[in-house]
Amino acid sequence: MSRWIRFLIAIIIGIGIGLFYGWVVDPVDYVDTTPDSLRQDYQADYVLMAAEAYQLERDPALAVGRLAFLGGGDPLETIRSAIVFASEVGYSQSDLARLELLYEGVESYSGAIQDTPQGAAP
């Protein structure tokens, strides 16, 4: 048997053992991870999904609740960073319009909450 064949067989066996170990014997366990650990592109996609839902429901309180799932403090900042990222990577104009609509709705909702006297419902 030639050296190349033995080399390829050794590589294939090594890959097989590595995959078996990584998938069966000791797979990665993700415990208590939060959505804010997502990459920026996935976070932007999540904000876009919230914007699509907002476009149908027009409920800013529900949208703020969805955005809170990302763990960020200020929902407006979360939306703003998603808009910037979406603009940089070339999201479609309709997606950018959805994000802008979400921003405007949450902004007006946040302003209404701040203008409401303490103890009164918005």
PDB file of N, CA and C in Angstrom:
ATOM      1  N   MET A   1       0.847  -1.173   0.000  1.00  0.00           N
ATOM      2  CA  MET A   1       0.000   0.000   0.000  1.00  0.00           C
ATOM      3  C   MET A   1       0.898   1.243   0.000  1.00  0.00           C
ATOM      4  N   SER A   2       0.538   2.218  -0.800  1.00  0.00           N
ATOM      5  CA  SER A   2       1.396   3.400  -0.915  1.00  0.00           C
ATOM      6  C   SER A   2       1.235   4.309   0.312  1.00  0.00           C
ATOM      7  N   ARG A   3       2.176   5.215   0.454  1.00  0.00           N
ATOM      8  CA  ARG A   3       2.152   6.139   1.591  1.00  0.00           C
ATOM      9  C   ARG A   3       0.928   7.051   1.541  1.00  0.00           C
ATOM     10  N   TRP A   4       0.522   7.492   0.358  1.00  0.00           N
ATOM     11  CA  TRP A   4      -0.618   8.398   0.236  1.00  0.00           C
ATOM     12  C   TRP A   4      -1.916   7.726   0.655  1.00  0.00           C
ATOM     13  N   ILE A   5      -2.069   6.499   0.309  1.00  0.00           N
ATOM     14  CA  ILE A   5      -3.299   5.782   0.689  1.00  0.00           C
ATOM     15  C   ILE A   5      -3.350   5.617   2.203  1.00  0.00           C
ATOM     16  N   ARG A   6      -2.213   5.228   2.813  1.00  0.00           N
ATOM     17  CA  ARG A   6      -2.178   5.099   4.275  1.00  0.00           C
ATOM     18  C   ARG A   6      -2.425   6.455   4.939  1.00  0.00           C
ATOM     19  N   PHE A   7      -1.876   7.505   4.361  1.00  0.00           N
ATOM     20  CA  PHE A   7      -2.076   8.845   4.899  1.00  0.00           C
ATOM     21  C   PHE A   7      -3.558   9.228   4.841  1.00  0.00           C
ATOM     22  N   LEU A   8      -4.214   9.032   3.716  1.00  0.00           N
ATOM     23  CA  LEU A   8      -5.631   9.353   3.563  1.00  0.00           C
ATOM     24  C   LEU A   8      -6.501   8.516   4.497  1.00  0.00           C
ATOM     25  N   ILE A   9      -6.170   7.241   4.645  1.00  0.00           N
ATOM     26  CA  ILE A   9      -6.920   6.387   5.568  1.00  0.00           C
ATOM     27  C   ILE A   9      -6.772   6.896   6.998  1.00  0.00           C
ATOM     28  N   ALA A  10      -5.563   7.304   7.380  1.00  0.00           N
ATOM     29  CA  ALA A  10      -5.332   7.843   8.726  1.00  0.00           C
ATOM     30  C   ALA A  10      -6.123   9.136   8.937  1.00  0.00           C
ATOM     31  N   ILE A  11      -6.165   9.984   7.924  1.00  0.00           N
ATOM     32  CA  ILE A  11      -6.928  11.239   8.019  1.00  0.00           C
ATOM     33  C   ILE A  11      -8.412  10.940   8.176  1.00  0.00           C
ATOM     34  N   ILE A  12      -8.944  10.032   7.377  1.00  0.00           N
ATOM     35  CA  ILE A  12     -10.366   9.687   7.439  1.00  0.00           C
ATOM     36  C   ILE A  12     -10.706   9.088   8.791  1.00  0.00           C
ATOM     37  N   ILE A  13      -9.868   8.219   9.302  1.00  0.00           N
ATOM     38  CA  ILE A  13     -10.109   7.616  10.619  1.00  0.00           C
ATOM     39  C   ILE A  13     -10.058   8.698  11.704  1.00  0.00           C
ATOM     40  N   GLY A  14      -9.106   9.606  11.602  1.00  0.00           N
ATOM     41  CA  GLY A  14      -9.002  10.691  12.582  1.00  0.00           C
ATOM     42  C   GLY A  14     -10.217  11.596  12.567  1.00  0.00           C
ATOM     43  N   ILE A  15     -10.698  11.939  11.390  1.00  0.00           N
ATOM     44  CA  ILE A  15     -11.899  12.766  11.286  1.00  0.00           C
ATOM     45  C   ILE A  15     -13.094  12.026  11.861  1.00  0.00           C
ATOM     46  N   GLY A  16     -13.209  10.737  11.543  1.00  0.00           N
ATOM     47  CA  GLY A  16     -14.316   9.935  12.067  1.00  0.00           C
ATOM     48  C   GLY A  16     -14.304   9.856  13.589  1.00  0.00           C
ATOM     49  N   ILE A  17     -13.144   9.627  14.158  1.00  0.00           N
ATOM     50  CA  ILE A  17     -13.038   9.557  15.618  1.00  0.00           C
ATOM     51  C   ILE A  17     -13.349  10.923  16.234  1.00  0.00           C
ATOM     52  N   GLY A  18     -12.866  11.985  15.619  1.00  0.00           N
ATOM     53  CA  GLY A  18     -13.142  13.328  16.128  1.00  0.00           C
ATOM     54  C   GLY A  18     -14.618  13.664  16.082  1.00  0.00           C
ATOM     55  N   LEU A  19     -15.281  13.340  14.993  1.00  0.00           N
ATOM     56  CA  LEU A  19     -16.716  13.589  14.891  1.00  0.00           C
ATOM     57  C   LEU A  19     -17.507  12.752  15.889  1.00  0.00           C
ATOM     58  N   PHE A  20     -17.134  11.489  16.035  1.00  0.00           N
ATOM     59  CA  PHE A  20     -17.810  10.623  16.997  1.00  0.00           C
ATOM     60  C   PHE A  20     -17.656  11.189  18.407  1.00  0.00           C
ATOM     61  N   TYR A  21     -16.460  11.610  18.760  1.00  0.00           N
ATOM     62  CA  TYR A  21     -16.228  12.152  20.091  1.00  0.00           C
ATOM     63  C   TYR A  21     -17.013  13.453  20.299  1.00  0.00           C
ATOM     64  N   GLY A  22     -16.988  14.323  19.316  1.00  0.00           N
ATOM     65  CA  GLY A  22     -17.660  15.614  19.449  1.00  0.00           C
ATOM     66  C   GLY A  22     -19.171  15.541  19.404  1.00  0.00           C
ATOM     67  N   TRP A  23     -19.730  14.580  18.705  1.00  0.00           N
ATOM     68  CA  TRP A  23     -21.178  14.490  18.570  1.00  0.00           C
ATOM     69  C   TRP A  23     -21.816  13.505  19.538  1.00  0.00           C
ATOM     70  N   VAL A  24     -21.092  12.436  19.893  1.00  0.00           N
ATOM     71  CA  VAL A  24     -21.701  11.382  20.702  1.00  0.00           C
ATOM     72  C   VAL A  24     -21.138  11.356  22.124  1.00  0.00           C
ATOM     73  N   VAL A  25     -19.827  11.274  22.252  1.00  0.00           N
ATOM     74  CA  VAL A  25     -19.217  11.085  23.557  1.00  0.00           C
ATOM     75  C   VAL A  25     -19.323  12.348  24.416  1.00  0.00           C
ATOM     76  N   ASP A  26     -18.935  13.490  23.892  1.00  0.00           N
ATOM     77  CA  ASP A  26     -18.909  14.723  24.678  1.00  0.00           C
ATOM     78  C   ASP A  26     -19.362  15.914  23.845  1.00  0.00           C
ATOM     79  N   PRO A  27     -20.664  15.971  23.487  1.00  0.00           N
ATOM     80  CA  PRO A  27     -21.135  17.109  22.690  1.00  0.00           C
ATOM     81  C   PRO A  27     -21.161  18.387  23.531  1.00  0.00           C
ATOM     82  N   VAL A  28     -21.184  19.519  22.851  1.00  0.00           N
ATOM     83  CA  VAL A  28     -21.231  20.809  23.525  1.00  0.00           C
ATOM     84  C   VAL A  28     -22.604  20.990  24.157  1.00  0.00           C
ATOM     85  N   ASP A  29     -22.609  21.436  25.405  1.00  0.00           N
ATOM     86  CA  ASP A  29     -23.856  21.717  26.103  1.00  0.00           C
ATOM     87  C   ASP A  29     -23.951  23.212  26.350  1.00  0.00           C
ATOM     88  N   TYR A  30     -24.928  23.851  25.708  1.00  0.00           N
ATOM     89  CA  TYR A  30     -25.168  25.264  25.940  1.00  0.00           C
ATOM     90  C   TYR A  30     -26.217  25.372  27.034  1.00  0.00           C
ATOM     91  N   VAL A  31     -25.855  26.030  28.129  1.00  0.00           N
ATOM     92  CA  VAL A  31     -26.760  26.136  29.263  1.00  0.00           C
ATOM     93  C   VAL A  31     -26.926  27.611  29.616  1.00  0.00           C
ATOM     94  N   ASP A  32     -28.163  28.012  29.784  1.00  0.00           N
ATOM     95  CA  ASP A  32     -28.492  29.367  30.223  1.00  0.00           C
ATOM     96  C   ASP A  32     -27.874  30.448  29.339  1.00  0.00           C
ATOM     97  N   THR A  33     -27.904  30.243  28.043  1.00  0.00           N
ATOM     98  CA  THR A  33     -27.428  31.293  27.147  1.00  0.00           C
ATOM     99  C   THR A  33     -28.577  32.258  26.886  1.00  0.00           C
ATOM    100  N   THR A  34     -28.241  33.470  26.623  1.00  0.00           N
ATOM    101  CA  THR A  34     -29.257  34.488  26.372  1.00  0.00           C
ATOM    102  C   THR A  34     -29.160  34.959  24.923  1.00  0.00           C
ATOM    103  N   PRO A  35     -30.244  35.485  24.395  1.00  0.00           N
ATOM    104  CA  PRO A  35     -30.218  35.948  23.008  1.00  0.00           C
ATOM    105  C   PRO A  35     -29.222  37.072  22.753  1.00  0.00           C
ATOM    106  N   ASP A  36     -28.817  37.797  23.798  1.00  0.00           N
ATOM    107  CA  ASP A  36     -27.844  38.856  23.563  1.00  0.00           C
ATOM    108  C   ASP A  36     -26.461  38.290  23.245  1.00  0.00           C
ATOM    109  N   SER A  37     -26.304  36.978  23.369  1.00  0.00           N
ATOM    110  CA  SER A  37     -25.038  36.352  22.976  1.00  0.00           C
ATOM    111  C   SER A  37     -25.024  36.002  21.486  1.00  0.00           C
ATOM    112  N   LEU A  38     -26.135  36.270  20.795  1.00  0.00           N
ATOM    113  CA  LEU A  38     -26.190  36.036  19.353  1.00  0.00           C
ATOM    114  C   LEU A  38     -25.266  36.996  18.625  1.00  0.00           C
ATOM    115  N   ARG A  39     -24.816  36.571  17.464  1.00  0.00           N
ATOM    116  CA  ARG A  39     -24.037  37.477  16.621  1.00  0.00           C
ATOM    117  C   ARG A  39     -24.918  38.635  16.195  1.00  0.00           C
ATOM    118  N   GLN A  40     -24.274  39.722  15.780  1.00  0.00           N
ATOM    119  CA  GLN A  40     -25.007  40.933  15.427  1.00  0.00           C
ATOM    120  C   GLN A  40     -25.980  40.702  14.268  1.00  0.00           C
ATOM    121  N   ASP A  41     -25.610  39.861  13.311  1.00  0.00           N
ATOM    122  CA  ASP A  41     -26.520  39.633  12.181  1.00  0.00           C
ATOM    123  C   ASP A  41     -27.776  38.887  12.621  1.00  0.00           C
ATOM    124  N   TYR A  42     -27.646  37.967  13.559  1.00  0.00           N
ATOM    125  CA  TYR A  42     -28.828  37.263  14.062  1.00  0.00           C
ATOM    126  C   TYR A  42     -29.690  38.185  14.922  1.00  0.00           C
ATOM    127  N   GLN A  43     -29.054  39.063  15.686  1.00  0.00           N
ATOM    128  CA  GLN A  43     -29.822  40.030  16.470  1.00  0.00           C
ATOM    129  C   GLN A  43     -30.591  40.968  15.538  1.00  0.00           C
ATOM    130  N   ALA A  44     -29.957  41.405  14.459  1.00  0.00           N
ATOM    131  CA  ALA A  44     -30.641  42.273  13.495  1.00  0.00           C
ATOM    132  C   ALA A  44     -31.811  41.537  12.848  1.00  0.00           C
ATOM    133  N   ASP A  45     -31.624  40.257  12.554  1.00  0.00           N
ATOM    134  CA  ASP A  45     -32.725  39.472  11.992  1.00  0.00           C
ATOM    135  C   ASP A  45     -33.878  39.340  12.992  1.00  0.00           C
ATOM    136  N   TYR A  46     -33.551  39.188  14.269  1.00  0.00           N
ATOM    137  CA  TYR A  46     -34.589  39.094  15.299  1.00  0.00           C
ATOM    138  C   TYR A  46     -35.363  40.412  15.382  1.00  0.00           C
ATOM    139  N   VAL A  47     -34.652  41.535  15.347  1.00  0.00           N
ATOM    140  CA  VAL A  47     -35.315  42.838  15.383  1.00  0.00           C
ATOM    141  C   VAL A  47     -36.189  43.004  14.140  1.00  0.00           C
ATOM    142  N   LEU A  48     -35.727  42.519  12.999  1.00  0.00           N
ATOM    143  CA  LEU A  48     -36.531  42.584  11.776  1.00  0.00           C
ATOM    144  C   LEU A  48     -37.799  41.748  11.926  1.00  0.00           C
ATOM    145  N   MET A  49     -37.695  40.585  12.555  1.00  0.00           N
ATOM    146  CA  MET A  49     -38.897  39.769  12.788  1.00  0.00           C
ATOM    147  C   MET A  49     -39.867  40.494  13.707  1.00  0.00           C
ATOM    148  N   ALA A  50     -39.340  41.166  14.732  1.00  0.00           N
ATOM    149  CA  ALA A  50     -40.201  41.956  15.612  1.00  0.00           C
ATOM    150  C   ALA A  50     -40.848  43.095  14.833  1.00  0.00           C
ATOM    151  N   ALA A  51     -40.108  43.684  13.891  1.00  0.00           N
ATOM    152  CA  ALA A  51     -40.650  44.765  13.060  1.00  0.00           C
ATOM    153  C   ALA A  51     -41.757  44.241  12.140  1.00  0.00           C
ATOM    154  N   GLU A  52     -41.570  43.042  11.609  1.00  0.00           N
ATOM    155  CA  GLU A  52     -42.611  42.457  10.752  1.00  0.00           C
ATOM    156  C   GLU A  52     -43.874  42.184  11.554  1.00  0.00           C
ATOM    157  N   ALA A  53     -43.707  41.686  12.779  1.00  0.00           N
ATOM    158  CA  ALA A  53     -44.865  41.454  13.640  1.00  0.00           C
ATOM    159  C   ALA A  53     -45.528  42.783  14.006  1.00  0.00           C
ATOM    160  N   TYR A  54     -44.716  43.798  14.278  1.00  0.00           N
ATOM    161  CA  TYR A  54     -45.266  45.114  14.616  1.00  0.00           C
ATOM    162  C   TYR A  54     -46.049  45.691  13.443  1.00  0.00           C
ATOM    163  N   GLN A  55     -45.580  45.471  12.236  1.00  0.00           N
ATOM    164  CA  GLN A  55     -46.263  45.995  11.058  1.00  0.00           C
ATOM    165  C   GLN A  55     -47.679  45.420  10.971  1.00  0.00           C
ATOM    166  N   LEU A  56     -47.860  44.189  11.402  1.00  0.00           N
ATOM    167  CA  LEU A  56     -49.186  43.567  11.369  1.00  0.00           C
ATOM    168  C   LEU A  56     -50.037  43.951  12.570  1.00  0.00           C
ATOM    169  N   GLU A  57     -49.421  44.019  13.762  1.00  0.00           N
ATOM    170  CA  GLU A  57     -50.181  44.188  15.001  1.00  0.00           C
ATOM    171  C   GLU A  57     -50.321  45.638  15.444  1.00  0.00           C
ATOM    172  N   ARG A  58     -49.311  46.448  15.137  1.00  0.00           N
ATOM    173  CA  ARG A  58     -49.270  47.853  15.572  1.00  0.00           C
ATOM    174  C   ARG A  58     -49.418  47.980  17.089  1.00  0.00           C
ATOM    175  N   ASP A  59     -48.768  47.103  17.821  1.00  0.00           N
ATOM    176  CA  ASP A  59     -48.787  47.133  19.282  1.00  0.00           C
ATOM    177  C   ASP A  59     -47.374  47.391  19.786  1.00  0.00           C
ATOM    178  N   PRO A  60     -47.052  48.661  20.101  1.00  0.00           N
ATOM    179  CA  PRO A  60     -45.679  48.963  20.511  1.00  0.00           C
ATOM    180  C   PRO A  60     -45.284  48.320  21.830  1.00  0.00           C
ATOM    181  N   ALA A  61     -46.224  48.132  22.739  1.00  0.00           N
ATOM    182  CA  ALA A  61     -45.899  47.489  24.018  1.00  0.00           C
ATOM    183  C   ALA A  61     -45.445  46.055  23.785  1.00  0.00           C
ATOM    184  N   LEU A  62     -46.114  45.365  22.903  1.00  0.00           N
ATOM    185  CA  LEU A  62     -45.726  43.998  22.568  1.00  0.00           C
ATOM    186  C   LEU A  62     -44.372  43.973  21.870  1.00  0.00           C
ATOM    187  N   ALA A  63     -44.132  44.944  21.011  1.00  0.00           N
ATOM    188  CA  ALA A  63     -42.843  45.028  20.319  1.00  0.00           C
ATOM    189  C   ALA A  63     -41.716  45.281  21.309  1.00  0.00           C
ATOM    190  N   VAL A  64     -41.934  46.165  22.280  1.00  0.00           N
ATOM    191  CA  VAL A  64     -40.920  46.427  23.301  1.00  0.00           C
ATOM    192  C   VAL A  64     -40.647  45.164  24.098  1.00  0.00           C
ATOM    193  N   GLY A  65     -41.687  44.407  24.399  1.00  0.00           N
ATOM    194  CA  GLY A  65     -41.514  43.135  25.105  1.00  0.00           C
ATOM    195  C   GLY A  65     -40.690  42.153  24.291  1.00  0.00           C
ATOM    196  N   ARG A  66     -40.934  42.103  23.007  1.00  0.00           N
ATOM    197  CA  ARG A  66     -40.142  41.220  22.146  1.00  0.00           C
ATOM    198  C   ARG A  66     -38.680  41.648  22.098  1.00  0.00           C
ATOM    199  N   LEU A  67     -38.457  42.949  22.038  1.00  0.00           N
ATOM    200  CA  LEU A  67     -37.086  43.451  21.985  1.00  0.00           C
ATOM    201  C   LEU A  67     -36.362  43.258  23.313  1.00  0.00           C
ATOM    202  N   ALA A  68     -37.093  43.267  24.414  1.00  0.00           N
ATOM    203  CA  ALA A  68     -36.482  43.040  25.724  1.00  0.00           C
ATOM    204  C   ALA A  68     -35.893  41.640  25.807  1.00  0.00           C
ATOM    205  N   PHE A  69     -36.397  40.735  24.987  1.00  0.00           N
ATOM    206  CA  PHE A  69     -35.896  39.360  24.949  1.00  0.00           C
ATOM    207  C   PHE A  69     -34.426  39.325  24.554  1.00  0.00           C
ATOM    208  N   LEU A  70     -33.968  40.339  23.816  1.00  0.00           N
ATOM    209  CA  LEU A  70     -32.567  40.402  23.421  1.00  0.00           C
ATOM    210  C   LEU A  70     -31.657  40.834  24.565  1.00  0.00           C
ATOM    211  N   GLY A  71     -32.235  41.284  25.658  1.00  0.00           N
ATOM    212  CA  GLY A  71     -31.443  41.624  26.824  1.00  0.00           C
ATOM    213  C   GLY A  71     -30.876  43.026  26.825  1.00  0.00           C
ATOM    214  N   GLY A  72     -31.123  43.779  25.790  1.00  0.00           N
ATOM    215  CA  GLY A  72     -30.622  45.141  25.744  1.00  0.00           C
ATOM    216  C   GLY A  72     -31.447  46.043  26.643  1.00  0.00           C
ATOM    217  N   GLY A  73     -30.870  47.109  27.121  1.00  0.00           N
ATOM    218  CA  GLY A  73     -31.594  48.010  28.003  1.00  0.00           C
ATOM    219  C   GLY A  73     -32.597  48.871  27.263  1.00  0.00           C
ATOM    220  N   ASP A  74     -32.144  49.626  26.296  1.00  0.00           N
ATOM    221  CA  ASP A  74     -32.987  50.577  25.584  1.00  0.00           C
ATOM    222  C   ASP A  74     -33.446  49.969  24.257  1.00  0.00           C
ATOM    223  N   PRO A  75     -34.756  49.760  24.094  1.00  0.00           N
ATOM    224  CA  PRO A  75     -35.226  49.168  22.829  1.00  0.00           C
ATOM    225  C   PRO A  75     -34.939  50.057  21.623  1.00  0.00           C
ATOM    226  N   LEU A  76     -34.938  51.364  21.820  1.00  0.00           N
ATOM    227  CA  LEU A  76     -34.638  52.256  20.693  1.00  0.00           C
ATOM    228  C   LEU A  76     -33.201  52.077  20.224  1.00  0.00           C
ATOM    229  N   GLU A  77     -32.286  51.895  21.155  1.00  0.00           N
ATOM    230  CA  GLU A  77     -30.894  51.666  20.786  1.00  0.00           C
ATOM    231  C   GLU A  77     -30.737  50.320  20.076  1.00  0.00           C
ATOM    232  N   THR A  78     -31.489  49.324  20.519  1.00  0.00           N
ATOM    233  CA  THR A  78     -31.459  48.009  19.866  1.00  0.00           C
ATOM    234  C   THR A  78     -31.926  48.132  18.420  1.00  0.00           C
ATOM    235  N   ILE A  79     -33.020  48.855  18.213  1.00  0.00           N
ATOM    236  CA  ILE A  79     -33.548  49.037  16.856  1.00  0.00           C
ATOM    237  C   ILE A  79     -32.574  49.861  16.020  1.00  0.00           C
ATOM    238  N   ARG A  80     -32.025  50.920  16.619  1.00  0.00           N
ATOM    239  CA  ARG A  80     -31.091  51.787  15.899  1.00  0.00           C
ATOM    240  C   ARG A  80     -29.873  50.997  15.416  1.00  0.00           C
ATOM    241  N   SER A  81     -29.315  50.156  16.284  1.00  0.00           N
ATOM    242  CA  SER A  81     -28.146  49.375  15.867  1.00  0.00           C
ATOM    243  C   SER A  81     -28.522  48.363  14.792  1.00  0.00           C
ATOM    244  N   ALA A  82     -29.740  47.830  14.848  1.00  0.00           N
ATOM    245  CA  ALA A  82     -30.196  46.915  13.802  1.00  0.00           C
ATOM    246  C   ALA A  82     -30.344  47.648  12.474  1.00  0.00           C
ATOM    247  N   ILE A  83     -30.841  48.884  12.511  1.00  0.00           N
ATOM    248  CA  ILE A  83     -30.990  49.670  11.282  1.00  0.00           C
ATOM    249  C   ILE A  83     -29.626  49.965  10.675  1.00  0.00           C
ATOM    250  N   VAL A  84     -28.676  50.343  11.509  1.00  0.00           N
ATOM    251  CA  VAL A  84     -27.327  50.636  11.012  1.00  0.00           C
ATOM    252  C   VAL A  84     -26.718  49.386  10.383  1.00  0.00           C
ATOM    253  N   PHE A  85     -26.826  48.261  11.075  1.00  0.00           N
ATOM    254  CA  PHE A  85     -26.276  47.010  10.542  1.00  0.00           C
ATOM    255  C   PHE A  85     -26.969  46.634   9.240  1.00  0.00           C
ATOM    256  N   ALA A  86     -28.304  46.745   9.220  1.00  0.00           N
ATOM    257  CA  ALA A  86     -29.067  46.380   8.024  1.00  0.00           C
ATOM    258  C   ALA A  86     -28.689  47.263   6.840  1.00  0.00           C
ATOM    259  N   SER A  87     -28.439  48.535   7.096  1.00  0.00           N
ATOM    260  CA  SER A  87     -28.024  49.446   6.020  1.00  0.00           C
ATOM    261  C   SER A  87     -26.646  49.087   5.486  1.00  0.00           C
ATOM    262  N   GLU A  88     -25.748  48.702   6.397  1.00  0.00           N
ATOM    263  CA  GLU A  88     -24.380  48.376   5.995  1.00  0.00           C
ATOM    264  C   GLU A  88     -24.299  47.105   5.162  1.00  0.00           C
ATOM    265  N   VAL A  89     -25.116  46.112   5.493  1.00  0.00           N
ATOM    266  CA  VAL A  89     -25.007  44.831   4.788  1.00  0.00           C
ATOM    267  C   VAL A  89     -25.988  44.698   3.633  1.00  0.00           C
ATOM    268  N   GLY A  90     -26.828  45.704   3.423  1.00  0.00           N
ATOM    269  CA  GLY A  90     -27.669  45.709   2.234  1.00  0.00           C
ATOM    270  C   GLY A  90     -29.013  45.030   2.360  1.00  0.00           C
ATOM    271  N   TYR A  91     -29.683  45.186   3.503  1.00  0.00           N
ATOM    272  CA  TYR A  91     -31.055  44.682   3.608  1.00  0.00           C
ATOM    273  C   TYR A  91     -31.904  45.418   2.571  1.00  0.00           C
ATOM    274  N   SER A  92     -33.010  44.842   2.193  1.00  0.00           N
ATOM    275  CA  SER A  92     -33.877  45.456   1.189  1.00  0.00           C
ATOM    276  C   SER A  92     -34.521  46.726   1.747  1.00  0.00           C
ATOM    277  N   GLN A  93     -34.994  47.571   0.845  1.00  0.00           N
ATOM    278  CA  GLN A  93     -35.636  48.818   1.251  1.00  0.00           C
ATOM    279  C   GLN A  93     -36.909  48.545   2.050  1.00  0.00           C
ATOM    280  N   SER A  94     -37.623  47.478   1.708  1.00  0.00           N
ATOM    281  CA  SER A  94     -38.839  47.171   2.456  1.00  0.00           C
ATOM    282  C   SER A  94     -38.509  46.743   3.885  1.00  0.00           C
ATOM    283  N   ASP A  95     -37.407  46.012   4.067  1.00  0.00           N
ATOM    284  CA  ASP A  95     -36.990  45.634   5.419  1.00  0.00           C
ATOM    285  C   ASP A  95     -36.547  46.860   6.214  1.00  0.00           C
ATOM    286  N   LEU A  96     -35.810  47.743   5.575  1.00  0.00           N
ATOM    287  CA  LEU A  96     -35.396  48.971   6.251  1.00  0.00           C
ATOM    288  C   LEU A  96     -36.607  49.823   6.622  1.00  0.00           C
ATOM    289  N   ALA A  97     -37.622  49.856   5.754  1.00  0.00           N
ATOM    290  CA  ALA A  97     -38.844  50.604   6.059  1.00  0.00           C
ATOM    291  C   ALA A  97     -39.565  49.996   7.254  1.00  0.00           C
ATOM    292  N   ARG A  98     -39.583  48.664   7.351  1.00  0.00           N
ATOM    293  CA  ARG A  98     -40.201  48.001   8.506  1.00  0.00           C
ATOM    294  C   ARG A  98     -39.468  48.356   9.795  1.00  0.00           C
ATOM    295  N   LEU A  99     -38.149  48.358   9.734  1.00  0.00           N
ATOM    296  CA  LEU A  99     -37.361  48.712  10.911  1.00  0.00           C
ATOM    297  C   LEU A  99     -37.609  50.162  11.314  1.00  0.00           C
ATOM    298  N   GLU A 100     -37.701  51.059  10.328  1.00  0.00           N
ATOM    299  CA  GLU A 100     -37.989  52.469  10.627  1.00  0.00           C
ATOM    300  C   GLU A 100     -39.377  52.624  11.247  1.00  0.00           C
ATOM    301  N   LEU A 101     -40.349  51.885  10.725  1.00  0.00           N
ATOM    302  CA  LEU A 101     -41.700  51.937  11.278  1.00  0.00           C
ATOM    303  C   LEU A 101     -41.708  51.460  12.727  1.00  0.00           C
ATOM    304  N   LEU A 102     -40.972  50.399  13.003  1.00  0.00           N
ATOM    305  CA  LEU A 102     -40.860  49.905  14.374  1.00  0.00           C
ATOM    306  C   LEU A 102     -40.210  50.961  15.262  1.00  0.00           C
ATOM    307  N   TYR A 103     -39.154  51.581  14.765  1.00  0.00           N
ATOM    308  CA  TYR A 103     -38.469  52.618  15.546  1.00  0.00           C
ATOM    309  C   TYR A 103     -39.429  53.750  15.891  1.00  0.00           C
ATOM    310  N   GLU A 104     -40.173  54.218  14.900  1.00  0.00           N
ATOM    311  CA  GLU A 104     -41.106  55.317  15.135  1.00  0.00           C
ATOM    312  C   GLU A 104     -42.195  54.925  16.121  1.00  0.00           C
ATOM    313  N   GLY A 105     -42.708  53.709  16.008  1.00  0.00           N
ATOM    314  CA  GLY A 105     -43.754  53.261  16.917  1.00  0.00           C
ATOM    315  C   GLY A 105     -43.263  53.129  18.351  1.00  0.00           C
ATOM    316  N   VAL A 106     -42.082  52.557  18.515  1.00  0.00           N
ATOM    317  CA  VAL A 106     -41.522  52.403  19.860  1.00  0.00           C
ATOM    318  C   VAL A 106     -41.137  53.759  20.426  1.00  0.00           C
ATOM    319  N   GLU A 107     -40.646  54.651  19.576  1.00  0.00           N
ATOM    320  CA  GLU A 107     -40.273  55.983  20.037  1.00  0.00           C
ATOM    321  C   GLU A 107     -41.496  56.740  20.548  1.00  0.00           C
ATOM    322  N   SER A 108     -42.597  56.685  19.813  1.00  0.00           N
ATOM    323  CA  SER A 108     -43.809  57.378  20.262  1.00  0.00           C
ATOM    324  C   SER A 108     -44.378  56.711  21.513  1.00  0.00           C
ATOM    325  N   TYR A 109     -44.281  55.403  21.602  1.00  0.00           N
ATOM    326  CA  TYR A 109     -44.750  54.675  22.785  1.00  0.00           C
ATOM    327  C   TYR A 109     -43.904  55.041  24.002  1.00  0.00           C
ATOM    328  N   SER A 110     -42.590  55.118  23.833  1.00  0.00           N
ATOM    329  CA  SER A 110     -41.696  55.479  24.933  1.00  0.00           C
ATOM    330  C   SER A 110     -41.967  56.912  25.392  1.00  0.00           C
ATOM    331  N   GLY A 111     -42.223  57.798  24.452  1.00  0.00           N
ATOM    332  CA  GLY A 111     -42.545  59.178  24.800  1.00  0.00           C
ATOM    333  C   GLY A 111     -43.852  59.269  25.551  1.00  0.00           C
ATOM    334  N   ALA A 112     -44.843  58.451  25.180  1.00  0.00           N
ATOM    335  CA  ALA A 112     -46.122  58.454  25.854  1.00  0.00           C
ATOM    336  C   ALA A 112     -45.981  57.940  27.279  1.00  0.00           C
ATOM    337  N   ILE A 113     -45.114  56.948  27.472  1.00  0.00           N
ATOM    338  CA  ILE A 113     -44.904  56.419  28.821  1.00  0.00           C
ATOM    339  C   ILE A 113     -44.235  57.467  29.695  1.00  0.00           C
ATOM    340  N   GLN A 114     -43.261  58.177  29.151  1.00  0.00           N
ATOM    341  CA  GLN A 114     -42.540  59.183  29.922  1.00  0.00           C
ATOM    342  C   GLN A 114     -43.446  60.375  30.263  1.00  0.00           C
ATOM    343  N   ASP A 115     -44.406  60.676  29.393  1.00  0.00           N
ATOM    344  CA  ASP A 115     -45.308  61.799  29.625  1.00  0.00           C
ATOM    345  C   ASP A 115     -46.460  61.456  30.564  1.00  0.00           C
ATOM    346  N   THR A 116     -46.684  60.170  30.819  1.00  0.00           N
ATOM    347  CA  THR A 116     -47.773  59.728  31.671  1.00  0.00           C
ATOM    348  C   THR A 116     -47.416  59.941  33.137  1.00  0.00           C
ATOM    349  N   PRO A 117     -48.292  60.556  33.916  1.00  0.00           N
ATOM    350  CA  PRO A 117     -48.012  60.719  35.350  1.00  0.00           C
ATOM    351  C   PRO A 117     -47.880  59.352  36.008  1.00  0.00           C
ATOM    352  N   GLN A 118     -47.050  59.279  37.039  1.00  0.00           N
ATOM    353  CA  GLN A 118     -46.803  58.008  37.722  1.00  0.00           C
ATOM    354  C   GLN A 118     -48.113  57.490  38.310  1.00  0.00           C
ATOM    355  N   GLY A 119     -48.371  56.218  38.082  1.00  0.00           N
ATOM    356  CA  GLY A 119     -49.564  55.582  38.602  1.00  0.00           C
ATOM    357  C   GLY A 119     -50.720  55.575  37.618  1.00  0.00           C
ATOM    358  N   ALA A 120     -50.649  56.363  36.567  1.00  0.00           N
ATOM    359  CA  ALA A 120     -51.709  56.382  35.578  1.00  0.00           C
ATOM    360  C   ALA A 120     -51.344  55.446  34.428  1.00  0.00           C
ATOM    361  N   ALA A 121     -52.343  54.878  33.805  1.00  0.00           N
ATOM    362  CA  ALA A 121     -52.112  53.980  32.667  1.00  0.00           C
ATOM    363  C   ALA A 121     -51.883  54.805  31.413  1.00  0.00           C
ATOM    364  N   PRO A 122     -50.967  54.368  30.514  1.00  0.00           N
ATOM    365  CA  PRO A 122     -50.738  55.111  29.262  1.00  0.00           C
ATOM    366  C   PRO A 122     -51.894  55.011  28.311  1.00  0.00           C
TER     367      PRO A 122
END
